[in-house]
N, C-alpha and C. Protein backbone atom coordinates (compact mmCIF):
# COMPACT_ATOMS: atom_id res chain seq x y z
N UNK A 1 -41.55 -76.20 53.59
CA UNK A 1 -40.94 -75.15 54.40
C UNK A 1 -40.07 -74.24 53.53
N UNK A 2 -39.33 -74.84 52.60
CA UNK A 2 -38.47 -74.02 51.73
C UNK A 2 -39.31 -73.05 50.89
N UNK A 3 -40.44 -73.54 50.42
CA UNK A 3 -41.32 -72.69 49.62
C UNK A 3 -41.82 -71.52 50.46
N UNK A 4 -42.16 -71.78 51.70
CA UNK A 4 -42.62 -70.70 52.58
C UNK A 4 -41.51 -69.68 52.81
N UNK A 5 -40.30 -70.14 53.04
CA UNK A 5 -39.18 -69.21 53.21
C UNK A 5 -38.99 -68.35 51.97
N UNK A 6 -39.10 -68.95 50.80
CA UNK A 6 -38.99 -68.20 49.55
C UNK A 6 -40.11 -67.16 49.46
N UNK A 7 -41.32 -67.57 49.81
CA UNK A 7 -42.47 -66.66 49.74
C UNK A 7 -42.33 -65.51 50.74
N UNK A 8 -41.76 -65.77 51.90
CA UNK A 8 -41.60 -64.73 52.92
C UNK A 8 -40.71 -63.59 52.43
N UNK A 9 -39.77 -63.91 51.57
CA UNK A 9 -38.90 -62.88 51.02
C UNK A 9 -39.66 -61.94 50.07
N UNK A 10 -40.72 -62.43 49.49
CA UNK A 10 -41.44 -61.67 48.46
C UNK A 10 -42.80 -61.13 48.90
N UNK A 11 -43.40 -61.78 49.87
CA UNK A 11 -44.75 -61.40 50.30
C UNK A 11 -44.72 -60.84 51.71
N UNK A 12 -44.68 -59.53 51.81
CA UNK A 12 -44.67 -58.86 53.11
C UNK A 12 -45.99 -59.17 53.85
N UNK A 13 -45.88 -59.43 55.14
CA UNK A 13 -47.07 -59.68 55.94
C UNK A 13 -47.64 -61.09 55.79
N UNK A 14 -46.91 -61.96 55.11
CA UNK A 14 -47.41 -63.32 54.89
C UNK A 14 -47.68 -64.05 56.21
N UNK A 15 -46.83 -63.86 57.20
CA UNK A 15 -47.01 -64.57 58.48
C UNK A 15 -48.28 -64.13 59.21
N UNK A 16 -48.82 -62.99 58.87
CA UNK A 16 -50.05 -62.52 59.49
C UNK A 16 -51.29 -63.07 58.77
N UNK A 17 -51.07 -63.80 57.70
CA UNK A 17 -52.17 -64.38 56.93
C UNK A 17 -52.54 -65.71 57.56
N UNK A 18 -53.54 -65.70 58.40
CA UNK A 18 -53.92 -66.89 59.15
C UNK A 18 -54.49 -68.01 58.31
N UNK A 19 -55.02 -67.69 57.13
CA UNK A 19 -55.66 -68.73 56.32
C UNK A 19 -54.71 -69.37 55.31
N UNK A 20 -53.51 -68.86 55.19
CA UNK A 20 -52.55 -69.45 54.25
C UNK A 20 -52.16 -70.84 54.75
N UNK A 21 -52.31 -71.87 53.92
CA UNK A 21 -52.04 -73.24 54.38
C UNK A 21 -50.59 -73.48 54.81
N UNK A 22 -49.63 -72.85 54.15
CA UNK A 22 -48.23 -73.05 54.53
C UNK A 22 -47.92 -72.35 55.86
N UNK A 23 -48.48 -71.17 56.05
CA UNK A 23 -48.30 -70.46 57.32
C UNK A 23 -48.96 -71.25 58.44
N UNK A 24 -50.13 -71.75 58.18
CA UNK A 24 -50.85 -72.55 59.18
C UNK A 24 -50.06 -73.80 59.54
N UNK A 25 -49.50 -74.46 58.53
CA UNK A 25 -48.70 -75.66 58.79
C UNK A 25 -47.47 -75.32 59.63
N UNK A 26 -46.82 -74.19 59.34
CA UNK A 26 -45.65 -73.78 60.11
C UNK A 26 -46.04 -73.50 61.56
N UNK A 27 -47.16 -72.81 61.76
CA UNK A 27 -47.63 -72.53 63.14
C UNK A 27 -47.91 -73.83 63.88
N UNK A 28 -48.52 -74.80 63.20
CA UNK A 28 -48.80 -76.09 63.83
C UNK A 28 -47.50 -76.80 64.20
N UNK A 29 -46.50 -76.70 63.33
CA UNK A 29 -45.21 -77.33 63.60
C UNK A 29 -44.54 -76.67 64.81
N UNK A 30 -44.55 -75.35 64.86
CA UNK A 30 -43.97 -74.62 66.00
C UNK A 30 -44.66 -75.03 67.30
N UNK A 31 -45.96 -75.11 67.25
CA UNK A 31 -46.75 -75.52 68.42
C UNK A 31 -46.38 -76.93 68.85
N UNK A 32 -46.22 -77.83 67.90
CA UNK A 32 -45.87 -79.22 68.20
C UNK A 32 -44.47 -79.32 68.81
N UNK A 33 -43.53 -78.56 68.29
CA UNK A 33 -42.16 -78.57 68.83
C UNK A 33 -42.16 -78.02 70.26
N UNK A 34 -42.86 -76.92 70.48
CA UNK A 34 -42.92 -76.35 71.84
C UNK A 34 -43.58 -77.30 72.82
N UNK A 35 -44.63 -77.98 72.37
CA UNK A 35 -45.31 -78.97 73.22
C UNK A 35 -44.34 -80.10 73.55
N UNK A 36 -43.57 -80.54 72.57
CA UNK A 36 -42.60 -81.60 72.78
C UNK A 36 -41.53 -81.17 73.79
N UNK A 37 -41.08 -79.93 73.69
CA UNK A 37 -40.11 -79.41 74.66
C UNK A 37 -40.71 -79.39 76.06
N UNK A 38 -41.94 -78.96 76.17
CA UNK A 38 -42.61 -78.93 77.47
C UNK A 38 -42.72 -80.35 78.04
N UNK A 39 -43.09 -81.31 77.20
CA UNK A 39 -43.21 -82.69 77.66
C UNK A 39 -41.85 -83.21 78.12
N UNK A 40 -40.79 -82.83 77.44
CA UNK A 40 -39.47 -83.27 77.86
C UNK A 40 -39.14 -82.74 79.25
N UNK A 41 -39.40 -81.46 79.49
CA UNK A 41 -39.09 -80.89 80.81
C UNK A 41 -39.98 -81.49 81.89
N UNK A 42 -41.16 -81.95 81.53
CA UNK A 42 -42.08 -82.52 82.51
C UNK A 42 -41.86 -84.01 82.77
N UNK A 43 -41.44 -84.76 81.76
CA UNK A 43 -41.45 -86.22 81.88
C UNK A 43 -40.08 -86.89 81.86
N UNK A 44 -39.02 -86.14 81.86
CA UNK A 44 -37.69 -86.75 81.99
C UNK A 44 -37.54 -87.19 83.45
N UNK A 45 -37.14 -88.44 83.63
CA UNK A 45 -36.91 -89.00 84.96
C UNK A 45 -35.49 -89.54 85.02
N UNK A 46 -34.66 -88.88 85.84
CA UNK A 46 -33.28 -89.32 85.97
C UNK A 46 -33.20 -90.53 86.90
N UNK A 47 -32.28 -91.41 86.57
CA UNK A 47 -32.01 -92.57 87.41
C UNK A 47 -30.52 -92.57 87.74
N UNK A 48 -30.22 -92.84 88.98
CA UNK A 48 -28.84 -92.76 89.46
C UNK A 48 -28.05 -94.03 89.13
N UNK A 49 -26.83 -93.80 88.64
CA UNK A 49 -25.90 -94.88 88.35
C UNK A 49 -24.59 -94.55 89.06
N UNK A 50 -24.07 -95.50 89.82
CA UNK A 50 -22.80 -95.29 90.50
C UNK A 50 -21.65 -95.43 89.50
N UNK A 51 -20.72 -94.47 89.55
CA UNK A 51 -19.52 -94.54 88.71
C UNK A 51 -18.31 -94.28 89.60
N UNK A 52 -17.13 -94.51 89.07
CA UNK A 52 -15.91 -94.26 89.85
C UNK A 52 -15.73 -92.79 90.16
N UNK A 53 -16.39 -91.90 89.41
CA UNK A 53 -16.31 -90.45 89.65
C UNK A 53 -17.52 -89.93 90.43
N UNK A 54 -18.27 -90.82 91.02
CA UNK A 54 -19.46 -90.41 91.76
C UNK A 54 -20.72 -90.71 90.97
N UNK A 55 -21.86 -90.28 91.49
CA UNK A 55 -23.12 -90.61 90.84
C UNK A 55 -23.30 -89.90 89.49
N UNK A 56 -23.86 -90.65 88.57
CA UNK A 56 -24.25 -90.12 87.26
C UNK A 56 -25.75 -90.36 87.14
N UNK A 57 -26.49 -89.35 86.75
CA UNK A 57 -27.93 -89.47 86.60
C UNK A 57 -28.25 -89.54 85.11
N UNK A 58 -28.93 -90.62 84.73
CA UNK A 58 -29.23 -90.85 83.32
C UNK A 58 -30.74 -90.91 83.12
N UNK A 59 -31.20 -90.27 82.07
CA UNK A 59 -32.62 -90.29 81.74
C UNK A 59 -32.80 -90.72 80.30
N UNK A 60 -33.89 -91.42 80.03
CA UNK A 60 -34.26 -91.81 78.68
C UNK A 60 -35.51 -91.04 78.32
N UNK A 61 -35.54 -90.47 77.11
CA UNK A 61 -36.72 -89.75 76.64
C UNK A 61 -36.86 -89.98 75.14
N UNK A 62 -38.10 -90.01 74.67
CA UNK A 62 -38.37 -90.24 73.25
C UNK A 62 -39.17 -89.08 72.66
N UNK A 63 -38.48 -88.01 72.26
CA UNK A 63 -39.20 -86.86 71.70
C UNK A 63 -39.66 -87.13 70.27
N UNK A 64 -40.63 -86.36 69.85
CA UNK A 64 -41.11 -86.44 68.47
C UNK A 64 -40.24 -85.61 67.53
N UNK A 65 -39.58 -84.61 68.08
CA UNK A 65 -38.79 -83.66 67.26
C UNK A 65 -37.34 -83.63 67.76
N UNK A 66 -36.49 -82.99 67.00
CA UNK A 66 -35.08 -82.80 67.37
C UNK A 66 -35.00 -81.62 68.34
N UNK A 67 -35.24 -81.89 69.63
CA UNK A 67 -35.37 -80.81 70.62
C UNK A 67 -34.31 -80.85 71.71
N UNK A 68 -33.46 -81.85 71.70
CA UNK A 68 -32.53 -82.04 72.81
C UNK A 68 -31.65 -80.80 73.02
N UNK A 69 -31.04 -80.31 71.96
CA UNK A 69 -30.15 -79.15 72.12
C UNK A 69 -30.93 -77.91 72.56
N UNK A 70 -32.12 -77.73 72.04
CA UNK A 70 -32.92 -76.55 72.38
C UNK A 70 -33.46 -76.61 73.81
N UNK A 71 -33.57 -77.80 74.37
CA UNK A 71 -34.19 -77.96 75.69
C UNK A 71 -33.18 -78.22 76.80
N UNK A 72 -31.97 -78.59 76.47
CA UNK A 72 -30.97 -78.99 77.46
C UNK A 72 -30.66 -77.91 78.48
N UNK A 73 -30.70 -76.64 78.08
CA UNK A 73 -30.40 -75.55 79.02
C UNK A 73 -31.33 -75.56 80.23
N UNK A 74 -32.57 -75.96 80.04
CA UNK A 74 -33.51 -76.08 81.15
C UNK A 74 -32.93 -76.99 82.23
N UNK A 75 -32.38 -78.14 81.80
CA UNK A 75 -31.84 -79.11 82.74
C UNK A 75 -30.53 -78.64 83.35
N UNK A 76 -29.73 -77.91 82.58
CA UNK A 76 -28.50 -77.34 83.12
C UNK A 76 -28.85 -76.38 84.26
N UNK A 77 -29.83 -75.52 84.06
CA UNK A 77 -30.21 -74.56 85.10
C UNK A 77 -30.86 -75.26 86.30
N UNK A 78 -31.68 -76.24 86.04
CA UNK A 78 -32.43 -76.89 87.11
C UNK A 78 -31.58 -77.90 87.88
N UNK A 79 -30.67 -78.58 87.20
CA UNK A 79 -29.87 -79.63 87.84
C UNK A 79 -28.38 -79.36 87.65
N UNK A 80 -27.96 -78.14 87.90
CA UNK A 80 -26.58 -77.75 87.64
C UNK A 80 -25.57 -78.47 88.52
N UNK A 81 -25.97 -78.91 89.70
CA UNK A 81 -25.05 -79.59 90.61
C UNK A 81 -24.94 -81.09 90.35
N UNK A 82 -25.76 -81.59 89.45
CA UNK A 82 -25.75 -83.03 89.13
C UNK A 82 -24.95 -83.30 87.87
N UNK A 83 -24.31 -84.44 87.84
CA UNK A 83 -23.66 -84.93 86.62
C UNK A 83 -24.71 -85.80 85.95
N UNK A 84 -25.19 -85.39 84.76
CA UNK A 84 -26.30 -86.11 84.14
C UNK A 84 -26.14 -86.27 82.63
N UNK A 85 -26.92 -87.21 82.11
CA UNK A 85 -27.04 -87.42 80.67
C UNK A 85 -28.49 -87.68 80.35
N UNK A 86 -28.95 -87.08 79.26
CA UNK A 86 -30.28 -87.37 78.75
C UNK A 86 -30.08 -88.06 77.41
N UNK A 87 -30.57 -89.28 77.34
CA UNK A 87 -30.43 -90.09 76.14
C UNK A 87 -31.74 -90.10 75.37
N UNK A 88 -31.66 -89.91 74.06
CA UNK A 88 -32.82 -90.02 73.19
C UNK A 88 -32.38 -90.74 71.92
N UNK A 89 -33.32 -91.23 71.14
CA UNK A 89 -32.92 -91.89 69.90
C UNK A 89 -32.25 -90.94 68.90
N UNK A 90 -32.53 -89.64 69.00
CA UNK A 90 -32.04 -88.69 68.00
C UNK A 90 -30.74 -87.99 68.40
N UNK A 91 -30.55 -87.76 69.70
CA UNK A 91 -29.36 -87.07 70.19
C UNK A 91 -29.29 -87.25 71.70
N UNK A 92 -28.12 -86.99 72.26
CA UNK A 92 -27.94 -87.09 73.71
C UNK A 92 -27.30 -85.81 74.22
N UNK A 93 -27.66 -85.43 75.44
CA UNK A 93 -27.07 -84.27 76.11
C UNK A 93 -26.36 -84.77 77.35
N UNK A 94 -25.18 -84.21 77.60
CA UNK A 94 -24.38 -84.63 78.75
C UNK A 94 -23.91 -83.38 79.50
N UNK A 95 -24.11 -83.36 80.80
CA UNK A 95 -23.69 -82.24 81.65
C UNK A 95 -22.77 -82.80 82.72
N UNK A 96 -21.54 -82.27 82.78
CA UNK A 96 -20.56 -82.75 83.76
C UNK A 96 -20.39 -81.78 84.92
N UNK A 97 -21.36 -80.92 85.14
CA UNK A 97 -21.41 -79.86 86.16
C UNK A 97 -20.62 -78.62 85.74
N UNK A 98 -20.06 -78.65 84.51
CA UNK A 98 -19.35 -77.49 83.99
C UNK A 98 -19.64 -77.25 82.52
N UNK A 99 -19.63 -78.32 81.74
CA UNK A 99 -19.75 -78.19 80.29
C UNK A 99 -20.90 -79.06 79.79
N UNK A 100 -21.71 -78.47 78.94
CA UNK A 100 -22.80 -79.19 78.29
C UNK A 100 -22.32 -79.64 76.92
N UNK A 101 -22.43 -80.93 76.65
CA UNK A 101 -22.03 -81.46 75.35
C UNK A 101 -23.17 -82.28 74.77
N UNK A 102 -23.10 -82.48 73.47
CA UNK A 102 -24.12 -83.25 72.77
C UNK A 102 -23.45 -84.34 71.95
N UNK A 103 -24.16 -85.43 71.81
CA UNK A 103 -23.64 -86.54 71.03
C UNK A 103 -24.76 -87.19 70.23
N UNK A 104 -24.42 -88.25 69.54
CA UNK A 104 -25.43 -88.94 68.72
C UNK A 104 -26.48 -89.62 69.60
N UNK A 105 -27.55 -90.05 68.97
CA UNK A 105 -28.62 -90.73 69.66
C UNK A 105 -28.16 -92.04 70.29
N UNK A 106 -29.00 -92.55 71.17
CA UNK A 106 -28.69 -93.78 71.89
C UNK A 106 -29.87 -94.75 71.77
N UNK A 107 -29.71 -95.87 72.38
CA UNK A 107 -30.75 -96.88 72.45
C UNK A 107 -31.31 -96.91 73.86
N UNK A 108 -32.55 -97.29 74.00
CA UNK A 108 -33.15 -97.35 75.33
C UNK A 108 -32.38 -98.30 76.24
N UNK A 109 -31.78 -99.33 75.67
CA UNK A 109 -31.02 -100.28 76.49
C UNK A 109 -29.77 -99.64 77.12
N UNK A 110 -29.37 -98.46 76.64
CA UNK A 110 -28.24 -97.74 77.22
C UNK A 110 -28.61 -97.02 78.51
N UNK A 111 -29.89 -96.94 78.81
CA UNK A 111 -30.37 -96.22 79.99
C UNK A 111 -30.80 -97.22 81.07
N UNK A 112 -30.58 -96.87 82.34
CA UNK A 112 -31.04 -97.76 83.41
C UNK A 112 -32.56 -97.79 83.46
N UNK A 113 -33.10 -98.90 83.92
CA UNK A 113 -34.56 -99.04 83.98
C UNK A 113 -35.14 -98.65 85.33
N UNK A 114 -34.31 -98.64 86.37
CA UNK A 114 -34.78 -98.20 87.68
C UNK A 114 -33.58 -97.87 88.56
N UNK A 115 -33.86 -97.35 89.73
CA UNK A 115 -32.81 -97.07 90.70
C UNK A 115 -33.42 -97.11 92.09
N UNK A 116 -32.61 -96.82 93.10
CA UNK A 116 -33.06 -96.90 94.49
C UNK A 116 -34.13 -95.87 94.83
N UNK A 117 -34.23 -94.82 94.03
CA UNK A 117 -35.20 -93.76 94.34
C UNK A 117 -36.58 -94.01 93.74
N UNK A 118 -36.76 -95.05 92.95
CA UNK A 118 -38.05 -95.31 92.29
C UNK A 118 -39.19 -95.41 93.29
N UNK A 119 -38.97 -96.12 94.39
CA UNK A 119 -40.04 -96.28 95.39
C UNK A 119 -40.41 -94.94 96.02
N UNK A 120 -39.42 -94.09 96.23
CA UNK A 120 -39.72 -92.76 96.78
C UNK A 120 -40.56 -91.95 95.80
N UNK A 121 -40.21 -92.03 94.52
CA UNK A 121 -40.96 -91.30 93.50
C UNK A 121 -42.41 -91.79 93.44
N UNK A 122 -42.60 -93.11 93.51
CA UNK A 122 -43.96 -93.66 93.48
C UNK A 122 -44.74 -93.25 94.73
N UNK A 123 -44.09 -93.24 95.89
CA UNK A 123 -44.75 -92.80 97.12
C UNK A 123 -45.17 -91.34 97.02
N UNK A 124 -44.28 -90.51 96.49
CA UNK A 124 -44.59 -89.10 96.29
C UNK A 124 -45.80 -88.93 95.37
N UNK A 125 -45.77 -89.62 94.24
CA UNK A 125 -46.87 -89.51 93.27
C UNK A 125 -48.19 -89.96 93.89
N UNK A 126 -48.17 -91.07 94.61
CA UNK A 126 -49.39 -91.58 95.24
C UNK A 126 -49.90 -90.60 96.30
N UNK A 127 -48.99 -89.94 97.02
CA UNK A 127 -49.42 -89.03 98.08
C UNK A 127 -49.98 -87.71 97.54
N UNK A 128 -49.53 -87.27 96.36
CA UNK A 128 -50.07 -86.02 95.82
C UNK A 128 -51.27 -86.24 94.91
N UNK A 129 -51.56 -87.52 94.60
CA UNK A 129 -52.70 -87.83 93.74
C UNK A 129 -53.98 -87.44 94.45
N UNK A 130 -54.79 -86.62 93.80
CA UNK A 130 -56.04 -86.14 94.39
C UNK A 130 -57.21 -86.84 93.70
N UNK A 131 -57.85 -87.82 94.36
CA UNK A 131 -58.93 -88.57 93.70
C UNK A 131 -60.14 -87.71 93.38
N UNK A 132 -60.32 -86.62 94.07
CA UNK A 132 -61.48 -85.75 93.82
C UNK A 132 -61.31 -84.94 92.54
N UNK A 133 -60.11 -84.90 92.02
CA UNK A 133 -59.86 -84.08 90.83
C UNK A 133 -59.50 -84.90 89.60
N UNK A 134 -59.85 -86.18 89.61
CA UNK A 134 -59.50 -87.04 88.49
C UNK A 134 -60.35 -86.71 87.28
N UNK A 135 -59.68 -86.37 86.22
CA UNK A 135 -60.29 -86.18 84.91
C UNK A 135 -59.38 -86.92 83.96
N UNK A 136 -59.72 -88.18 83.72
CA UNK A 136 -58.84 -89.06 82.97
C UNK A 136 -58.50 -88.52 81.58
N UNK A 137 -59.48 -87.96 80.89
CA UNK A 137 -59.22 -87.41 79.56
C UNK A 137 -58.21 -86.28 79.61
N UNK A 138 -58.37 -85.37 80.56
CA UNK A 138 -57.43 -84.25 80.70
C UNK A 138 -56.05 -84.76 81.10
N UNK A 139 -56.04 -85.77 81.98
CA UNK A 139 -54.76 -86.32 82.42
C UNK A 139 -54.02 -86.96 81.25
N UNK A 140 -54.73 -87.71 80.42
CA UNK A 140 -54.08 -88.35 79.28
C UNK A 140 -53.66 -87.34 78.23
N UNK A 141 -54.36 -86.21 78.17
CA UNK A 141 -53.95 -85.16 77.23
C UNK A 141 -52.63 -84.53 77.69
N UNK A 142 -52.52 -84.29 79.00
CA UNK A 142 -51.31 -83.68 79.55
C UNK A 142 -50.16 -84.68 79.70
N UNK A 143 -50.50 -85.94 79.96
CA UNK A 143 -49.50 -86.98 80.11
C UNK A 143 -49.89 -88.15 79.20
N UNK A 144 -49.66 -88.00 77.89
CA UNK A 144 -50.05 -89.05 76.94
C UNK A 144 -49.43 -90.39 77.29
N UNK A 145 -50.15 -91.44 76.97
CA UNK A 145 -49.72 -92.78 77.34
C UNK A 145 -48.38 -93.17 76.72
N UNK A 146 -47.98 -92.52 75.63
CA UNK A 146 -46.68 -92.86 75.04
C UNK A 146 -45.52 -92.60 76.00
N UNK A 147 -45.72 -91.72 76.98
CA UNK A 147 -44.68 -91.43 77.96
C UNK A 147 -44.72 -92.37 79.15
N UNK A 148 -45.82 -93.06 79.36
CA UNK A 148 -46.00 -93.87 80.56
C UNK A 148 -44.94 -94.95 80.72
N UNK A 149 -44.49 -95.54 79.62
CA UNK A 149 -43.55 -96.66 79.74
C UNK A 149 -42.21 -96.23 80.34
N UNK A 150 -41.94 -94.94 80.39
CA UNK A 150 -40.68 -94.45 80.95
C UNK A 150 -40.85 -93.75 82.29
N UNK A 151 -42.06 -93.75 82.83
CA UNK A 151 -42.32 -93.05 84.09
C UNK A 151 -42.47 -94.06 85.23
N UNK A 152 -41.71 -93.90 86.30
CA UNK A 152 -41.83 -94.85 87.41
C UNK A 152 -43.21 -94.84 88.05
N UNK A 153 -43.92 -93.72 87.97
CA UNK A 153 -45.24 -93.63 88.59
C UNK A 153 -46.35 -94.21 87.74
N UNK A 154 -46.07 -94.50 86.48
CA UNK A 154 -47.11 -94.96 85.55
C UNK A 154 -47.86 -96.21 86.02
N UNK A 155 -47.19 -97.21 86.59
CA UNK A 155 -47.95 -98.38 87.04
C UNK A 155 -49.02 -98.05 88.09
N UNK A 156 -48.88 -96.95 88.79
CA UNK A 156 -49.86 -96.56 89.81
C UNK A 156 -51.11 -95.92 89.22
N UNK A 157 -51.02 -95.40 88.02
CA UNK A 157 -52.11 -94.60 87.45
C UNK A 157 -53.41 -95.39 87.38
N UNK A 158 -53.35 -96.58 86.84
CA UNK A 158 -54.57 -97.39 86.68
C UNK A 158 -55.21 -97.66 88.04
N UNK A 159 -54.40 -98.07 89.01
CA UNK A 159 -54.91 -98.37 90.34
C UNK A 159 -55.49 -97.12 91.03
N UNK A 160 -54.78 -96.02 90.97
CA UNK A 160 -55.23 -94.80 91.62
C UNK A 160 -56.50 -94.23 90.98
N UNK A 161 -56.57 -94.27 89.65
CA UNK A 161 -57.76 -93.73 89.00
C UNK A 161 -58.96 -94.65 89.17
N UNK A 162 -58.72 -95.97 89.22
CA UNK A 162 -59.82 -96.91 89.40
C UNK A 162 -60.51 -96.72 90.74
N UNK A 163 -59.75 -96.43 91.77
CA UNK A 163 -60.33 -96.24 93.10
C UNK A 163 -60.62 -94.79 93.45
N UNK A 164 -60.50 -93.91 92.49
CA UNK A 164 -60.62 -92.46 92.78
C UNK A 164 -62.02 -92.09 93.28
N UNK A 165 -63.06 -92.57 92.63
CA UNK A 165 -64.42 -92.21 93.03
C UNK A 165 -64.69 -92.67 94.47
N UNK A 166 -64.27 -93.86 94.81
CA UNK A 166 -64.47 -94.39 96.16
C UNK A 166 -63.69 -93.58 97.19
N UNK A 167 -62.45 -93.19 96.84
CA UNK A 167 -61.60 -92.43 97.76
C UNK A 167 -62.06 -91.00 97.93
N UNK A 168 -62.68 -90.44 96.89
CA UNK A 168 -63.11 -89.05 96.96
C UNK A 168 -64.27 -88.93 97.93
């Protein structure tokens, strides 16, 4: 990356050179980071924890890149009325309904594994599952199995997809 930055200072139009291996690598990296950010906004699942100051919603996520700070604003805008924390191995984001702060990474054991809303989430997922539109390959591309271990609806996937042809 440093070499590419050095070259950009000297070679005008380098970023428009699609066949340059360093430019191509940078584009692939940008694409991977953006995909990781999208997966974070799609697959973070908050779980409620009772505290003396009211409910705190905690989520565990395992990104491939250092994206917590770049992605946290999405959650501030979407869940501004909630007091929440997103824990990842690389960094954590905390929103107290007024101030967004960041801290060091955490361990998965620091996050709750379930809450009272898990059954509602599974019911919702099962009710919106359309057996006539099952394309397992496309589904796994959009929701890679590495995320399944943190999704409350994941245990339903095998059962719902297995019976999809019969239900359709």
